[in-house]
N, C-alpha and C. Protein backbone atom coordinates (compact mmCIF):
# COMPACT_ATOMS: atom_id res chain seq x y z
N MET A 1 162.26 51.56 150.03
CA MET A 1 161.95 50.71 148.96
C MET A 1 163.34 50.41 148.46
N ALA A 2 163.09 48.66 147.72
CA ALA A 2 164.18 48.04 147.09
C ALA A 2 164.52 48.46 145.96
N ILE A 3 165.79 48.45 145.25
CA ILE A 3 165.89 48.40 144.12
C ILE A 3 166.19 47.15 143.53
N ARG A 4 165.34 46.74 142.23
CA ARG A 4 165.25 45.43 141.72
C ARG A 4 166.18 45.58 140.64
N MET A 5 167.46 44.83 140.69
CA MET A 5 168.41 44.81 139.58
C MET A 5 167.99 43.62 138.69
N PRO A 6 168.40 43.83 137.20
CA PRO A 6 168.34 42.77 136.54
C PRO A 6 169.20 41.19 136.84
N ARG A 7 168.30 40.29 136.47
CA ARG A 7 169.44 39.00 136.91
C ARG A 7 170.44 38.81 135.77
N ILE A 8 171.54 38.94 136.70
CA ILE A 8 172.92 38.61 136.24
C ILE A 8 173.31 37.14 136.07
N ILE A 9 173.46 36.46 134.93
CA ILE A 9 174.14 34.85 134.92
C ILE A 9 175.46 34.95 134.29
N LYS A 10 176.42 34.48 135.05
CA LYS A 10 177.71 34.33 134.18
C LYS A 10 177.76 33.58 132.98
N LYS A 11 178.59 34.11 132.30
CA LYS A 11 178.81 33.52 130.71
C LYS A 11 178.93 31.99 130.91
N SER A 12 179.49 31.03 131.76
CA SER A 12 179.65 29.88 132.08
C SER A 12 178.39 29.12 132.19
N SER A 13 177.49 30.05 132.62
CA SER A 13 175.90 29.17 132.82
C SER A 13 175.27 29.55 131.57
N THR A 14 175.81 29.41 130.24
CA THR A 14 174.76 29.69 129.29
C THR A 14 173.54 28.67 128.77
N THR A 15 173.59 27.42 129.73
CA THR A 15 172.85 26.56 129.07
C THR A 15 171.55 26.93 130.24
N GLU A 16 171.90 27.83 130.93
CA GLU A 16 170.68 27.72 132.26
C GLU A 16 169.41 27.95 131.28
N VAL A 17 168.14 27.73 131.70
CA VAL A 17 167.01 27.82 130.81
C VAL A 17 166.75 29.47 131.27
N VAL A 18 166.11 30.12 130.04
CA VAL A 18 165.72 31.36 130.21
C VAL A 18 164.28 31.37 130.27
N PRO A 19 163.73 32.19 131.56
CA PRO A 19 162.40 31.93 131.76
C PRO A 19 161.44 32.59 130.76
N LYS A 20 159.95 31.93 130.43
CA LYS A 20 159.42 32.65 129.73
C LYS A 20 159.10 33.94 130.01
N GLY A 21 158.82 34.82 128.63
CA GLY A 21 158.57 35.98 128.56
C GLY A 21 160.11 36.85 128.66
N HIS A 22 161.24 36.17 128.92
CA HIS A 22 162.58 36.67 128.86
C HIS A 22 163.39 36.59 128.07
N PHE A 23 164.25 37.35 127.34
CA PHE A 23 165.33 36.99 126.59
C PHE A 23 166.71 37.57 126.98
N VAL A 24 167.92 37.00 126.75
CA VAL A 24 168.91 36.97 126.92
C VAL A 24 169.63 38.20 126.02
N VAL A 25 170.57 38.96 126.55
CA VAL A 25 171.64 40.06 125.98
C VAL A 25 172.59 39.84 126.54
N TYR A 26 174.07 40.16 125.67
CA TYR A 26 175.22 40.17 126.32
C TYR A 26 175.66 41.87 126.46
N VAL A 27 176.17 42.18 127.58
CA VAL A 27 176.39 43.43 127.90
C VAL A 27 177.85 43.66 128.12
N GLY A 28 178.39 44.91 127.49
CA GLY A 28 179.81 45.08 128.02
C GLY A 28 180.63 45.54 126.90
N GLU A 29 181.56 45.98 126.96
CA GLU A 29 182.50 46.67 125.81
C GLU A 29 183.58 45.58 125.47
N GLU A 30 184.24 45.10 126.45
CA GLU A 30 185.62 44.31 126.46
C GLU A 30 184.85 42.74 127.03
N GLN A 31 184.47 42.61 128.30
CA GLN A 31 184.04 41.27 129.25
C GLN A 31 182.68 41.65 128.98
N LYS A 32 181.96 40.69 128.28
CA LYS A 32 180.49 40.62 128.16
C LYS A 32 179.78 39.89 129.27
N LYS A 33 179.13 40.35 129.90
CA LYS A 33 178.28 40.13 130.89
C LYS A 33 176.61 39.20 130.32
N ARG A 34 176.06 38.45 130.97
CA ARG A 34 174.93 37.78 130.17
C ARG A 34 173.39 38.10 131.28
N PHE A 35 172.54 38.95 130.76
CA PHE A 35 171.58 39.60 131.34
C PHE A 35 170.33 38.92 131.00
N VAL A 36 169.47 38.35 131.66
CA VAL A 36 167.99 37.80 131.40
C VAL A 36 167.29 38.80 131.75
N ILE A 37 166.44 39.46 130.76
CA ILE A 37 165.59 40.79 130.81
C ILE A 37 164.36 40.42 130.18
N PRO A 38 163.01 40.90 130.74
CA PRO A 38 161.77 40.69 129.86
C PRO A 38 161.68 41.30 128.44
N ILE A 39 160.84 40.42 128.15
CA ILE A 39 160.62 41.12 126.56
C ILE A 39 159.58 42.26 126.57
N SER A 40 159.20 42.65 127.79
CA SER A 40 158.28 43.89 127.38
C SER A 40 159.22 45.20 127.13
N PHE A 41 160.74 44.93 127.32
CA PHE A 41 161.75 45.97 127.30
C PHE A 41 161.52 46.37 125.87
N LEU A 42 161.42 45.29 125.06
CA LEU A 42 161.61 45.34 123.49
C LEU A 42 160.28 46.78 123.04
N SER A 43 159.52 47.09 123.88
CA SER A 43 158.52 48.18 123.42
C SER A 43 159.19 49.37 124.41
N GLN A 44 160.12 49.39 124.80
CA GLN A 44 160.21 50.61 125.64
C GLN A 44 161.14 51.71 124.40
N PRO A 45 160.83 52.75 124.42
CA PRO A 45 161.66 53.68 123.49
C PRO A 45 163.08 53.59 123.82
N LEU A 46 163.51 53.69 125.43
CA LEU A 46 164.88 53.88 125.84
C LEU A 46 165.38 52.74 125.59
N PHE A 47 164.88 51.13 125.24
CA PHE A 47 165.68 50.16 125.13
C PHE A 47 165.91 50.28 123.32
N GLN A 48 164.64 50.65 123.03
CA GLN A 48 164.70 50.50 121.57
C GLN A 48 165.81 51.33 120.68
N ASP A 49 166.20 52.55 121.33
CA ASP A 49 167.46 53.44 120.83
C ASP A 49 168.82 52.42 121.12
N LEU A 50 168.55 52.21 122.17
CA LEU A 50 170.01 51.34 122.71
C LEU A 50 170.25 50.13 121.69
N LEU A 51 169.08 49.49 121.11
CA LEU A 51 169.09 48.41 120.19
C LEU A 51 169.40 48.85 118.78
N SER A 52 169.13 50.15 118.85
CA SER A 52 169.17 50.72 117.35
C SER A 52 170.49 50.83 117.14
N GLN A 53 171.51 51.54 118.53
CA GLN A 53 172.85 51.80 118.43
C GLN A 53 173.58 50.47 118.26
N ALA A 54 173.47 49.46 119.19
CA ALA A 54 174.13 48.55 118.79
C ALA A 54 173.73 47.90 117.49
N GLU A 55 172.81 47.90 116.88
CA GLU A 55 172.77 47.74 115.41
C GLU A 55 173.77 48.28 114.21
N GLU A 56 173.40 49.82 114.67
CA GLU A 56 174.63 50.40 113.94
C GLU A 56 175.95 50.11 114.01
N GLU A 57 176.43 49.91 115.45
CA GLU A 57 177.64 49.64 115.67
C GLU A 57 178.08 48.08 115.19
N PHE A 58 177.35 47.42 115.33
CA PHE A 58 177.80 45.73 115.28
C PHE A 58 177.03 44.82 114.40
N GLY A 59 175.74 45.26 113.93
CA GLY A 59 174.80 44.64 112.80
C GLY A 59 173.92 43.43 114.07
N PHE A 60 173.47 42.10 113.45
CA PHE A 60 172.81 41.60 114.00
C PHE A 60 173.62 39.83 113.74
N ASP A 61 174.83 39.75 113.63
CA ASP A 61 175.57 38.96 113.57
C ASP A 61 176.39 38.58 114.77
N HIS A 62 175.95 37.93 115.63
CA HIS A 62 176.56 37.69 116.85
C HIS A 62 177.25 36.70 117.34
N PRO A 63 178.59 36.63 117.46
CA PRO A 63 179.12 35.07 117.49
C PRO A 63 178.65 34.69 119.27
N MET A 64 178.59 35.01 119.92
CA MET A 64 177.58 34.67 121.07
C MET A 64 176.48 34.06 121.34
N GLY A 65 175.90 34.18 120.01
CA GLY A 65 174.43 33.73 119.94
C GLY A 65 173.16 34.28 120.45
N GLY A 66 173.58 35.63 120.78
CA GLY A 66 172.43 36.56 121.32
C GLY A 66 172.59 37.99 121.23
N VAL A 67 171.93 38.64 121.50
CA VAL A 67 172.12 39.91 121.10
C VAL A 67 173.13 40.74 122.05
N THR A 68 174.24 41.49 121.52
CA THR A 68 175.08 41.70 122.08
C THR A 68 174.85 43.52 121.97
N ILE A 69 175.20 44.13 123.46
CA ILE A 69 174.83 45.53 123.46
C ILE A 69 176.19 46.38 123.83
N PRO A 70 177.12 47.28 123.12
CA PRO A 70 178.34 47.81 123.34
C PRO A 70 177.84 48.70 124.10
N CYS A 71 178.12 48.51 125.45
CA CYS A 71 178.07 49.63 126.35
C CYS A 71 178.34 49.28 127.84
N HIS A 72 178.61 50.28 128.36
CA HIS A 72 179.24 50.01 129.99
C HIS A 72 177.99 49.35 130.39
N GLU A 73 178.19 48.14 131.52
CA GLU A 73 177.58 47.75 132.27
C GLU A 73 176.71 48.45 133.30
N ASP A 74 177.31 49.50 134.17
CA ASP A 74 176.64 50.38 134.46
C ASP A 74 175.82 51.12 134.02
N PHE A 75 175.84 51.58 132.74
CA PHE A 75 174.86 52.62 132.08
C PHE A 75 173.51 51.63 131.68
N PHE A 76 173.92 50.11 131.30
CA PHE A 76 172.95 49.18 131.11
C PHE A 76 171.93 48.93 132.53
N ILE A 77 172.31 48.54 133.46
CA ILE A 77 171.91 48.54 134.55
C ILE A 77 170.84 49.37 135.02
N ASP A 78 171.68 50.59 134.67
CA ASP A 78 170.69 52.12 135.12
C ASP A 78 169.72 52.49 134.30
N LEU A 79 169.67 52.15 132.96
CA LEU A 79 168.84 51.99 131.83
C LEU A 79 167.48 51.16 132.40
N THR A 80 167.98 49.75 132.83
CA THR A 80 167.23 48.77 133.11
C THR A 80 166.22 49.06 134.43
N CYS A 81 167.08 49.89 135.45
CA CYS A 81 166.23 50.18 136.76
C CYS A 81 165.00 51.22 136.20
N ARG A 82 165.49 52.29 135.37
CA ARG A 82 164.41 53.17 135.08
C ARG A 82 163.33 52.21 134.21
N LEU A 83 163.72 51.21 133.43
CA LEU A 83 162.72 50.73 132.56
C LEU A 83 161.50 49.86 133.61
N ARG A 84 162.23 49.39 134.47
CA ARG A 84 161.30 48.51 135.33
C ARG A 84 160.61 49.41 136.79
N LYS A 85 160.71 50.84 136.59
CA LYS A 85 159.56 51.63 137.41
C LYS A 85 158.36 52.05 136.83
C-alpha cells in the first residue's frame, strides 16, 4: 500500500493554479512551504484544531496571502496523511 503525501509546491511557484476543491496553506516555523490540500480537510476536527491554534498565535492577517500554520512540516504531513485515510 502506497502512502499518499500532500502536494508540495515551492514558494517560487505561487502563481501555479490551485485545483478546484483545494486551497493553499503555508506550513513551517521559520521557512514556510506551500501545500495544496483538499477543502474537505476543513470539516475534519484534527485540522480545525490546528487552524484554531494558528489563529490564536497569528490571527488571520497573513503577509503571504494565505493561511499560515506555524508547526513543524513533519507534524503537518503526518496529520494530513491521517486525514486522507
